[in-house]
Amino acid sequence: VIGAQAVNLYNGAIMAASFTDSGAITIRQAVLILLTGTLLTAPIRTLKHSMSTYIAVLGFRPGVTMAAATQLTRSAFLLVFTILLAMVWK
């Protein structure tokens, strides 16, 4: 899982570098795009990889509750700081 996430981040960074080199987007836009992509894909990764671990360790109901709580907290944190970063960079 960690290796796959690293490869995905690397691929995203390579694509962002290609777009910034061609002048299609700025570095600021590339960072915000990558953060937004992480925000949108993180819930799917949690369901795919972590949900089974939470359920196996905690049981069905507490596992689902814990997975939802951690994902909501993570998404809220990332959303708030992505918005703050976008506002600071204006």
C-alpha atoms as a PDB file:
ATOM      1  CA  VAL A   1       0.000   0.000   0.000  1.00  0.00           C
ATOM      2  CA  ILE A   2       2.743   2.469   0.925  1.00  0.00           C
ATOM      3  CA  GLY A   3       4.668   1.668  -2.238  1.00  0.00           C
ATOM      4  CA  ALA A   4       1.576   2.181  -4.403  1.00  0.00           C
ATOM      5  CA  GLN A   5       0.865   5.517  -2.727  1.00  0.00           C
ATOM      6  CA  ALA A   6       4.470   6.623  -3.302  1.00  0.00           C
ATOM      7  CA  VAL A   7       4.257   5.672  -6.983  1.00  0.00           C
ATOM      8  CA  ASN A   8       0.959   7.559  -7.359  1.00  0.00           C
ATOM      9  CA  LEU A   9       2.444  10.643  -5.704  1.00  0.00           C
ATOM     10  CA  TYR A  10       5.511  10.381  -7.941  1.00  0.00           C
ATOM     11  CA  ASN A  11       3.335  10.066 -11.063  1.00  0.00           C
ATOM     12  CA  GLY A  12       1.273  13.067  -9.986  1.00  0.00           C
ATOM     13  CA  ALA A  13       4.409  15.104  -9.374  1.00  0.00           C
ATOM     14  CA  ILE A  14       5.832  14.151 -12.785  1.00  0.00           C
ATOM     15  CA  MET A  15       2.602  15.188 -14.529  1.00  0.00           C
ATOM     16  CA  ALA A  16       2.473  18.427 -12.559  1.00  0.00           C
ATOM     17  CA  ALA A  17       6.084  19.145 -13.527  1.00  0.00           C
ATOM     18  CA  SER A  18       5.246  18.552 -17.189  1.00  0.00           C
ATOM     19  CA  PHE A  19       2.352  21.003 -17.040  1.00  0.00           C
ATOM     20  CA  THR A  20       4.382  23.637 -15.184  1.00  0.00           C
ATOM     21  CA  ASP A  21       7.297  23.288 -17.621  1.00  0.00           C
ATOM     22  CA  SER A  22       4.980  23.829 -20.569  1.00  0.00           C
ATOM     23  CA  GLY A  23       3.470  26.878 -18.888  1.00  0.00           C
ATOM     24  CA  ALA A  24      -0.052  25.426 -18.789  1.00  0.00           C
ATOM     25  CA  ILE A  25      -0.245  25.876 -14.996  1.00  0.00           C
ATOM     26  CA  THR A  26       1.797  27.601 -12.315  1.00  0.00           C
ATOM     27  CA  ILE A  27       3.568  25.835  -9.462  1.00  0.00           C
ATOM     28  CA  ARG A  28       0.941  27.145  -7.051  1.00  0.00           C
ATOM     29  CA  GLN A  29      -1.829  25.703  -9.188  1.00  0.00           C
ATOM     30  CA  ALA A  30       0.011  22.366  -9.390  1.00  0.00           C
ATOM     31  CA  VAL A  31       0.306  22.144  -5.592  1.00  0.00           C
ATOM     32  CA  LEU A  32      -3.377  22.995  -5.126  1.00  0.00           C
ATOM     33  CA  ILE A  33      -4.371  20.461  -7.789  1.00  0.00           C
ATOM     34  CA  LEU A  34      -2.328  17.732  -6.102  1.00  0.00           C
ATOM     35  CA  LEU A  35      -3.838  18.553  -2.701  1.00  0.00           C
ATOM     36  CA  THR A  36      -7.352  18.544  -4.164  1.00  0.00           C
ATOM     37  CA  GLY A  37      -6.692  15.214  -5.839  1.00  0.00           C
ATOM     38  CA  THR A  38      -5.556  13.771  -2.524  1.00  0.00           C
ATOM     39  CA  LEU A  39      -8.684  15.117  -0.867  1.00  0.00           C
ATOM     40  CA  LEU A  40     -10.911  13.483  -3.470  1.00  0.00           C
ATOM     41  CA  THR A  41      -9.153  10.112  -3.610  1.00  0.00           C
ATOM     42  CA  ALA A  42      -8.375   9.570   0.080  1.00  0.00           C
ATOM     43  CA  PRO A  43     -11.867   8.274   1.001  1.00  0.00           C
ATOM     44  CA  ILE A  44     -11.654   5.641  -1.739  1.00  0.00           C
ATOM     45  CA  ARG A  45      -8.231   4.501  -0.532  1.00  0.00           C
ATOM     46  CA  THR A  46      -9.536   4.269   3.023  1.00  0.00           C
ATOM     47  CA  LEU A  47     -12.440   2.101   1.945  1.00  0.00           C
ATOM     48  CA  LYS A  48     -10.197  -0.049  -0.209  1.00  0.00           C
ATOM     49  CA  HIS A  49      -7.236  -0.557   2.133  1.00  0.00           C
ATOM     50  CA  SER A  50      -7.963   0.448   5.725  1.00  0.00           C
ATOM     51  CA  MET A  51     -11.603  -0.489   6.197  1.00  0.00           C
ATOM     52  CA  SER A  52     -10.876  -4.211   6.364  1.00  0.00           C
ATOM     53  CA  THR A  53      -8.198  -3.637   9.014  1.00  0.00           C
ATOM     54  CA  TYR A  54     -10.511  -1.502  11.139  1.00  0.00           C
ATOM     55  CA  ILE A  55     -13.282  -4.090  10.893  1.00  0.00           C
ATOM     56  CA  ALA A  56     -10.944  -7.029  11.605  1.00  0.00           C
ATOM     57  CA  VAL A  57      -9.479  -5.398  14.703  1.00  0.00           C
ATOM     58  CA  LEU A  58     -12.500  -3.593  16.124  1.00  0.00           C
ATOM     59  CA  GLY A  59     -15.511  -5.448  14.745  1.00  0.00           C
ATOM     60  CA  PHE A  60     -17.979  -4.248  12.134  1.00  0.00           C
ATOM     61  CA  ARG A  61     -19.781  -1.334  13.791  1.00  0.00           C
ATOM     62  CA  PRO A  62     -16.810   0.176  15.687  1.00  0.00           C
ATOM     63  CA  GLY A  63     -14.549  -0.437  12.670  1.00  0.00           C
ATOM     64  CA  VAL A  64     -16.845   1.426  10.297  1.00  0.00           C
ATOM     65  CA  THR A  65     -17.263   4.206  12.861  1.00  0.00           C
ATOM     66  CA  MET A  66     -13.516   4.525  13.342  1.00  0.00           C
ATOM     67  CA  ALA A  67     -12.812   4.497   9.598  1.00  0.00           C
ATOM     68  CA  ALA A  68     -15.458   7.168   9.002  1.00  0.00           C
ATOM     69  CA  ALA A  69     -14.214   9.318  11.887  1.00  0.00           C
ATOM     70  CA  THR A  70     -10.582   9.153  10.812  1.00  0.00           C
ATOM     71  CA  GLN A  71     -11.466   9.884   7.201  1.00  0.00           C
ATOM     72  CA  LEU A  72     -13.717  12.823   8.088  1.00  0.00           C
ATOM     73  CA  THR A  73     -11.036  14.271  10.362  1.00  0.00           C
ATOM     74  CA  ARG A  74      -8.339  13.824   7.731  1.00  0.00           C
ATOM     75  CA  SER A  75     -10.487  15.304   4.964  1.00  0.00           C
ATOM     76  CA  ALA A  76     -11.558  18.276   7.091  1.00  0.00           C
ATOM     77  CA  PHE A  77      -7.952  19.017   8.057  1.00  0.00           C
ATOM     78  CA  LEU A  78      -6.752  18.771   4.457  1.00  0.00           C
ATOM     79  CA  LEU A  79      -9.647  20.876   3.153  1.00  0.00           C
ATOM     80  CA  VAL A  80      -9.113  23.656   5.689  1.00  0.00           C
ATOM     81  CA  PHE A  81      -5.397  23.889   5.026  1.00  0.00           C
ATOM     82  CA  THR A  82      -5.788  23.646   1.255  1.00  0.00           C
ATOM     83  CA  ILE A  83      -8.206  26.574   1.368  1.00  0.00           C
ATOM     84  CA  LEU A  84      -5.881  28.529   3.665  1.00  0.00           C
ATOM     85  CA  LEU A  85      -2.955  27.856   1.348  1.00  0.00           C
ATOM     86  CA  ALA A  86      -4.979  29.001  -1.654  1.00  0.00           C
ATOM     87  CA  MET A  87      -5.960  32.203   0.160  1.00  0.00           C
ATOM     88  CA  VAL A  88      -2.397  32.956   1.250  1.00  0.00           C
ATOM     89  CA  TRP A  89      -1.090  32.439  -2.279  1.00  0.00           C
ATOM     90  CA  LYS A  90      -3.463  34.956  -3.890  1.00  0.00           C
END
